[in-house]
Amino acid sequence: MPGATGFSSVRNQFREAAVATLLALVALLLLVSCAAVGNLLLARSAARQRELAVRLAIGASRGRPVRQLLIEGLLLAIAGAAAGLALAVWSANLLVRGVSDRGAAGHASRSRSTGAW
């Protein structure tokens, strides 16, 4: 029984080196996207510098603008995390369907029945 011994055709198709390379590329992509989002937040706060100066000049406490910026950043982070989670679930399902034996067998049987490859 292949399942009892831990045999996996996926493990044979994609060796550890390929998986490690893919993981490194995903980590690099995550690092670049985090840097881009950080730069966007920095540019936005620099553009709002005059607005914050006016708020402080008319008597707002220092904590109020800081709290506003933190809440805005938190809302952006939550929205980004939700979008990333949805994309991760979708892509994981797509990956599993693409490399599963059942999916490959379904394609092979379909091509035999229609005569088209």
Protein backbone atom coordinates (compact mmCIF):
# COMPACT_ATOMS: atom_id res chain seq x y z
CA MET A 1 0.00 0.00 0.00
CA PRO A 2 1.67 3.25 -1.07
CA GLY A 3 -0.20 5.40 1.47
CA ALA A 4 0.91 3.30 4.43
CA THR A 5 4.60 3.69 3.60
CA GLY A 6 4.40 7.43 2.96
CA PHE A 7 5.03 7.15 -0.77
CA SER A 8 4.13 10.30 -2.63
CA SER A 9 4.33 10.85 -6.34
CA VAL A 10 4.42 14.58 -5.67
CA ARG A 11 7.61 14.12 -3.65
CA ASN A 12 9.16 12.27 -6.56
CA GLN A 13 8.09 14.91 -9.08
CA PHE A 14 9.22 17.92 -7.09
CA ARG A 15 12.41 17.29 -5.19
CA GLU A 16 13.39 19.23 -2.10
CA ALA A 17 15.71 21.51 -4.08
CA ALA A 18 12.90 22.66 -6.34
CA VAL A 19 10.63 23.28 -3.36
CA ALA A 20 13.40 25.18 -1.55
CA THR A 21 13.97 27.34 -4.64
CA LEU A 22 10.27 28.06 -4.91
CA LEU A 23 10.14 28.95 -1.21
CA ALA A 24 13.10 31.31 -1.59
CA LEU A 25 11.45 33.05 -4.56
CA VAL A 26 8.20 33.47 -2.65
CA ALA A 27 10.11 34.92 0.32
CA LEU A 28 11.88 37.36 -2.01
CA LEU A 29 8.55 38.38 -3.55
CA LEU A 30 7.12 38.95 -0.06
CA LEU A 31 10.11 41.07 0.91
CA VAL A 32 9.80 43.24 -2.21
CA SER A 33 6.06 43.70 -1.76
CA CYS A 34 6.50 44.66 1.91
CA ALA A 35 9.11 47.24 0.93
CA ALA A 36 6.78 48.65 -1.73
CA VAL A 37 3.91 48.97 0.74
CA GLY A 38 6.22 50.62 3.27
CA ASN A 39 7.35 53.14 0.66
CA LEU A 40 3.73 53.89 -0.26
CA LEU A 41 2.84 54.51 3.38
CA LEU A 42 5.89 56.75 3.79
CA ALA A 43 5.03 58.75 0.67
CA ARG A 44 1.44 59.16 1.82
CA SER A 45 2.48 60.39 5.25
CA ALA A 46 4.96 62.82 3.69
CA ALA A 47 2.18 64.20 1.50
CA ARG A 48 -0.02 64.66 4.57
CA GLN A 49 2.66 66.49 6.56
CA ARG A 50 0.97 69.87 6.05
CA GLU A 51 -2.41 68.48 7.17
CA LEU A 52 -0.85 67.09 10.35
CA ALA A 53 0.93 70.40 11.02
CA VAL A 54 -2.37 72.29 10.70
CA ARG A 55 -4.12 69.87 13.06
CA LEU A 56 -1.38 70.31 15.64
CA ALA A 57 -1.47 74.09 15.18
CA ILE A 58 -5.20 74.32 15.89
CA GLY A 59 -4.85 72.41 19.13
CA ALA A 60 -5.02 68.68 18.49
CA SER A 61 -3.00 66.62 20.91
CA ARG A 62 0.00 64.77 19.52
CA GLY A 63 -1.60 61.43 20.21
CA ARG A 64 -4.61 62.08 18.01
CA PRO A 65 -2.81 62.25 14.59
CA VAL A 66 -0.53 59.38 15.62
CA ARG A 67 -3.57 57.30 16.54
CA GLN A 68 -5.22 58.17 13.20
CA LEU A 69 -2.14 57.13 11.22
CA LEU A 70 -1.82 53.89 13.20
CA ILE A 71 -5.46 53.01 12.65
CA GLU A 72 -5.19 53.73 8.92
CA GLY A 73 -2.09 51.55 8.69
CA LEU A 74 -3.80 48.79 10.67
CA LEU A 75 -6.85 48.86 8.38
CA LEU A 76 -4.59 48.64 5.32
CA ALA A 77 -2.72 45.74 6.90
CA ILE A 78 -5.95 43.87 7.68
CA ALA A 79 -7.25 44.41 4.15
CA GLY A 80 -3.94 43.24 2.69
CA ALA A 81 -3.86 40.20 4.95
CA ALA A 82 -7.41 39.25 3.97
CA ALA A 83 -6.60 39.61 0.27
CA GLY A 84 -3.38 37.63 0.71
CA LEU A 85 -5.16 34.87 2.60
CA ALA A 86 -7.84 34.59 -0.09
CA LEU A 87 -5.16 34.46 -2.79
CA ALA A 88 -3.19 31.85 -0.82
CA VAL A 89 -6.21 29.58 -0.42
CA TRP A 90 -7.10 29.92 -4.10
CA SER A 91 -3.54 29.28 -5.31
CA ALA A 92 -3.07 26.34 -2.92
CA ASN A 93 -6.21 24.70 -4.29
CA LEU A 94 -5.02 25.39 -7.82
CA LEU A 95 -1.61 23.89 -7.07
CA VAL A 96 -3.08 20.78 -5.47
CA ARG A 97 -5.40 20.25 -8.44
CA GLY A 98 -2.50 20.70 -10.83
CA VAL A 99 -0.17 18.15 -9.25
CA SER A 100 -2.63 15.61 -7.91
CA ASP A 101 -2.68 12.13 -9.39
CA ARG A 102 -6.44 12.24 -9.70
CA GLY A 103 -6.27 15.38 -11.83
CA ALA A 104 -3.62 13.86 -14.08
CA ALA A 105 -5.63 10.64 -14.45
CA GLY A 106 -8.73 12.65 -15.31
CA HIS A 107 -6.89 14.48 -18.09
CA ALA A 108 -5.46 11.25 -19.48
CA SER A 109 -8.81 9.45 -19.51
CA ARG A 110 -10.51 12.42 -21.11
CA SER A 111 -7.94 12.60 -23.88
CA ARG A 112 -8.25 8.88 -24.60
CA SER A 113 -12.03 9.03 -24.84
CA THR A 114 -12.12 11.98 -27.25
CA GLY A 115 -9.07 11.00 -29.21
CA ALA A 116 -7.63 14.50 -28.86
CA TRP A 117 -4.57 15.33 -26.83
